[in-house]
């Protein structure tokens, strides 16, 4: 399926009343206008790895007061503080980026099963959708999915998923238990009670495979 075809299905999903598009970032155009949809399509396409521009280093500066406090509490040298703050900044930067990498990894392994990645955060509260036919093939249904890296990474918008919606929700890791992961739950959600599908994707969606995938990213 081409990006053009995928965006057309996402647009259909929203028009069917299943979700809302990201609000316009500019007052130059109205929500759901032709210009708005054109801009969303641009966000959608540019967020894909084949179109993504080279990532720029973060311009956010470290809080000197924070690191002076840490230095005094842990008896650190100036060189130690400089080194720790550098890697802290790096970790924070990549923690944000990992969300996109996780979505890319899932899409790579589920696109052949009809799942579409709403890349560019163009649909509110939803990361993936799938259009399915019912048993008699006369109507179609929608499945939507929101993913998070950790069970403690929810914010206010994300918490809306729990109440009054049919959006499926999944997180990769347990913040207080590193001895296990949560890929099995995702496999259950996306296999739709199809044992053949489950058998195929449970070999693809593992933390080991995800770590291998991350080594290919820059």
Protein backbone atom coordinates (compact mmCIF):
# COMPACT_ATOMS: atom_id res chain seq x y z
CA UNK A 1 0.00 0.00 0.00
CA UNK A 2 1.38 3.43 -0.95
CA UNK A 3 1.51 6.44 1.40
CA UNK A 4 -1.17 8.05 -0.75
CA UNK A 5 -3.47 5.05 -0.22
CA UNK A 6 -2.75 4.94 3.50
CA UNK A 7 -3.53 8.63 4.00
CA UNK A 8 -6.77 8.21 2.05
CA UNK A 9 -7.87 5.46 4.48
CA UNK A 10 -6.90 7.59 7.51
CA UNK A 11 -8.97 10.45 6.09
CA UNK A 12 -11.88 8.05 5.66
CA UNK A 13 -11.45 6.87 9.26
CA UNK A 14 -11.73 10.43 10.55
CA UNK A 15 -14.65 11.31 8.28
CA UNK A 16 -16.52 8.29 9.66
CA UNK A 17 -16.42 10.01 13.06
CA UNK A 18 -13.93 7.69 14.73
CA UNK A 19 -11.43 10.38 15.75
CA UNK A 20 -10.27 13.93 15.12
CA UNK A 21 -7.34 15.19 13.14
CA UNK A 22 -4.61 17.20 14.83
CA UNK A 23 -5.78 20.80 15.19
CA UNK A 24 -4.23 23.31 12.75
CA UNK A 25 -0.94 24.70 14.03
CA UNK A 26 -1.62 27.96 12.25
CA UNK A 27 -4.65 30.25 12.02
CA UNK A 28 -4.06 30.51 8.29
CA UNK A 29 -6.55 27.72 7.66
CA UNK A 30 -9.59 26.15 9.34
CA UNK A 31 -9.81 22.65 10.76
CA UNK A 32 -10.51 19.99 8.11
CA UNK A 33 -10.23 22.52 5.29
CA UNK A 34 -8.44 21.59 2.09
CA UNK A 35 -5.31 23.42 3.25
CA UNK A 36 -5.45 21.71 6.66
CA UNK A 37 -5.70 18.24 5.10
CA UNK A 38 -2.84 19.10 2.74
CA UNK A 39 -0.64 20.12 5.69
CA UNK A 40 -1.56 16.96 7.63
CA UNK A 41 -0.63 14.86 4.63
CA UNK A 42 2.74 16.61 4.64
CA UNK A 43 3.28 15.84 8.36
CA UNK A 44 2.23 12.24 7.73
CA UNK A 45 4.66 11.73 4.88
CA UNK A 46 7.61 13.63 6.39
CA UNK A 47 7.47 11.51 9.57
CA UNK A 48 8.21 8.32 7.63
CA UNK A 49 11.86 7.18 7.80
CA UNK A 50 12.36 7.38 4.05
CA UNK A 51 11.35 11.06 4.06
CA UNK A 52 12.54 12.23 7.47
CA UNK A 53 15.12 15.00 7.49
CA UNK A 54 18.37 14.67 9.41
CA UNK A 55 17.74 15.13 13.12
CA UNK A 56 19.08 18.35 14.62
CA UNK A 57 20.75 18.35 18.04
CA UNK A 58 18.55 19.60 20.86
CA UNK A 59 19.02 23.27 21.71
CA UNK A 60 17.69 22.82 25.25
CA UNK A 61 20.33 23.83 27.77
CA UNK A 62 20.96 21.97 31.02
CA UNK A 63 19.75 23.63 34.22
CA UNK A 64 22.94 24.77 35.94
CA UNK A 65 21.19 25.13 39.29
CA UNK A 66 20.07 21.50 39.16
CA UNK A 67 23.58 20.25 38.45
CA UNK A 68 25.14 22.47 41.09
CA UNK A 69 22.72 20.94 43.57
CA UNK A 70 23.58 17.40 42.44
CA UNK A 71 27.27 18.25 42.59
CA UNK A 72 27.03 19.42 46.21
CA UNK A 73 24.87 16.49 47.33
CA UNK A 74 27.11 13.81 45.81
CA UNK A 75 30.51 15.48 46.13
CA UNK A 76 31.17 15.47 42.39
CA UNK A 77 33.94 17.27 40.54
CA UNK A 78 33.28 19.83 37.81
CA UNK A 79 34.42 17.31 35.18
CA UNK A 80 32.07 14.64 36.53
CA UNK A 81 29.12 17.04 36.51
CA UNK A 82 29.92 18.08 32.94
CA UNK A 83 30.09 14.45 31.81
CA UNK A 84 26.94 13.35 33.64
CA UNK A 85 24.91 16.33 32.41
CA UNK A 86 26.02 15.66 28.82
CA UNK A 87 24.80 12.09 28.91
CA UNK A 88 21.64 13.05 30.78
CA UNK A 89 20.78 15.45 27.96
CA UNK A 90 21.54 12.74 25.42
CA UNK A 91 19.32 10.24 27.24
CA UNK A 92 16.43 12.71 27.44
CA UNK A 93 16.72 13.44 23.72
CA UNK A 94 16.65 9.79 22.72
CA UNK A 95 13.88 8.97 25.15
CA UNK A 96 11.64 11.25 23.09
CA UNK A 97 12.87 9.83 19.79
CA UNK A 98 12.29 6.23 20.93
CA UNK A 99 8.54 6.77 20.74
CA UNK A 100 8.79 7.30 17.00
CA UNK A 101 11.19 4.38 16.59
CA UNK A 102 8.79 2.10 18.46
CA UNK A 103 5.95 3.07 16.13
CA UNK A 104 8.18 2.53 13.09
CA UNK A 105 9.21 -0.92 14.32
CA UNK A 106 5.59 -1.97 14.91
CA UNK A 107 4.51 -0.64 11.52
CA UNK A 108 7.35 -2.48 9.78
CA UNK A 109 6.06 -5.76 11.20
CA UNK A 110 2.30 -5.17 10.97
CA UNK A 111 1.79 -3.29 7.69
CA UNK A 112 1.36 -6.56 5.78
CA UNK A 113 -1.60 -7.35 8.06
CA UNK A 114 -3.50 -4.18 7.14
CA UNK A 115 -2.33 -1.87 9.93
CA UNK A 116 -1.69 1.75 8.99
CA UNK A 117 0.66 4.02 10.92
CA UNK A 118 -0.79 7.49 11.58
CA UNK A 119 2.72 8.93 11.44
CA UNK A 120 3.30 12.58 12.26
CA UNK A 121 0.79 12.40 15.14
CA UNK A 122 -1.90 13.56 12.74
CA UNK A 123 -4.79 11.78 14.51
CA UNK A 124 -5.52 12.71 18.12
CA UNK A 125 -4.81 9.90 20.62
CA UNK A 126 -4.34 7.25 17.89
CA UNK A 127 -1.14 5.79 16.41
CA UNK A 128 -2.43 2.91 14.25
CA UNK A 129 -5.67 2.02 12.53
CA UNK A 130 -6.99 -0.96 10.59
CA UNK A 131 -10.02 -1.29 8.33
CA UNK A 132 -11.63 -4.74 8.49
CA UNK A 133 -14.57 -6.46 6.81
CA UNK A 134 -17.22 -8.24 8.86
CA UNK A 135 -18.05 -11.90 8.31
CA UNK A 136 -20.63 -11.38 5.56
CA UNK A 137 -18.31 -8.92 3.75
CA UNK A 138 -21.09 -6.35 3.42
CA UNK A 139 -19.72 -3.82 5.92
CA UNK A 140 -16.40 -2.76 7.32
CA UNK A 141 -15.22 -2.01 10.84
CA UNK A 142 -12.39 0.07 12.26
CA UNK A 143 -9.79 -0.89 14.85
CA UNK A 144 -7.61 1.81 16.42
CA UNK A 145 -4.58 1.51 18.64
CA UNK A 146 -2.55 3.83 20.84
CA UNK A 147 0.90 2.76 21.99
CA UNK A 148 3.29 3.93 24.70
CA UNK A 149 6.82 2.91 25.56
CA UNK A 150 6.10 2.48 29.28
CA UNK A 151 3.16 2.06 31.63
CA UNK A 152 4.11 5.30 33.41
CA UNK A 153 4.43 7.50 30.31
CA UNK A 154 0.81 8.58 30.16
CA UNK A 155 -0.15 12.23 30.07
CA UNK A 156 -3.57 13.86 30.23
CA UNK A 157 -4.43 13.35 26.52
CA UNK A 158 -3.34 9.71 26.68
CA UNK A 159 -5.49 8.97 29.71
CA UNK A 160 -8.59 9.87 27.72
CA UNK A 161 -8.17 6.57 25.88
CA UNK A 162 -9.28 4.58 28.92
CA UNK A 163 -12.76 6.05 29.24
CA UNK A 164 -15.59 6.10 26.75
CA UNK A 165 -13.65 5.03 23.65
CA UNK A 166 -13.00 1.81 21.75
CA UNK A 167 -9.33 2.64 21.18
CA UNK A 168 -7.03 -0.24 22.06
CA UNK A 169 -4.15 0.71 24.29
CA UNK A 170 -0.72 -0.92 24.71
CA UNK A 171 2.62 -0.15 26.39
CA UNK A 172 5.93 -1.93 25.79
CA UNK A 173 7.51 -2.09 29.25
CA UNK A 174 6.62 -2.24 32.91
CA UNK A 175 8.26 0.70 34.69
CA UNK A 176 8.70 -1.20 37.96
CA UNK A 177 9.64 -4.63 36.61
CA UNK A 178 12.50 -5.14 34.14
CA UNK A 179 12.19 -8.92 34.24
CA UNK A 180 9.41 -8.98 31.64
CA UNK A 181 7.98 -7.02 28.71
CA UNK A 182 4.49 -6.57 27.30
CA UNK A 183 4.82 -7.66 23.66
CA UNK A 184 2.55 -10.64 24.27
CA UNK A 185 -0.36 -8.29 24.97
CA UNK A 186 0.20 -6.44 21.69
CA UNK A 187 0.35 -9.73 19.80
CA UNK A 188 -2.98 -10.71 21.35
CA UNK A 189 -4.56 -7.37 20.43
CA UNK A 190 -3.48 -7.31 16.79
CA UNK A 191 -3.86 -11.01 15.94
CA UNK A 192 -7.68 -10.69 16.28
CA UNK A 193 -8.09 -14.30 17.47
CA UNK A 194 -6.42 -15.60 14.31
CA UNK A 195 -3.93 -18.30 15.30
CA UNK A 196 -2.08 -18.20 11.97
CA UNK A 197 -1.53 -14.44 12.29
CA UNK A 198 -0.51 -14.82 15.91
CA UNK A 199 2.09 -17.46 15.04
CA UNK A 200 3.68 -15.22 12.41
CA UNK A 201 3.85 -11.97 14.37
CA UNK A 202 4.91 -13.41 17.73
CA UNK A 203 8.28 -14.14 16.12
CA UNK A 204 8.54 -10.56 14.86
CA UNK A 205 7.39 -8.55 17.88
CA UNK A 206 9.89 -9.19 20.66
CA UNK A 207 12.19 -6.96 22.70
CA UNK A 208 15.19 -8.73 21.16
CA UNK A 209 13.99 -7.91 17.64
CA UNK A 210 13.26 -4.34 18.72
CA UNK A 211 16.78 -3.91 20.10
CA UNK A 212 18.22 -5.23 16.84
CA UNK A 213 16.08 -2.72 14.94
CA UNK A 214 17.31 0.17 17.11
CA UNK A 215 20.92 -0.66 16.27
CA UNK A 216 20.13 0.19 12.64
CA UNK A 217 18.91 3.70 13.51
CA UNK A 218 20.98 6.85 13.79
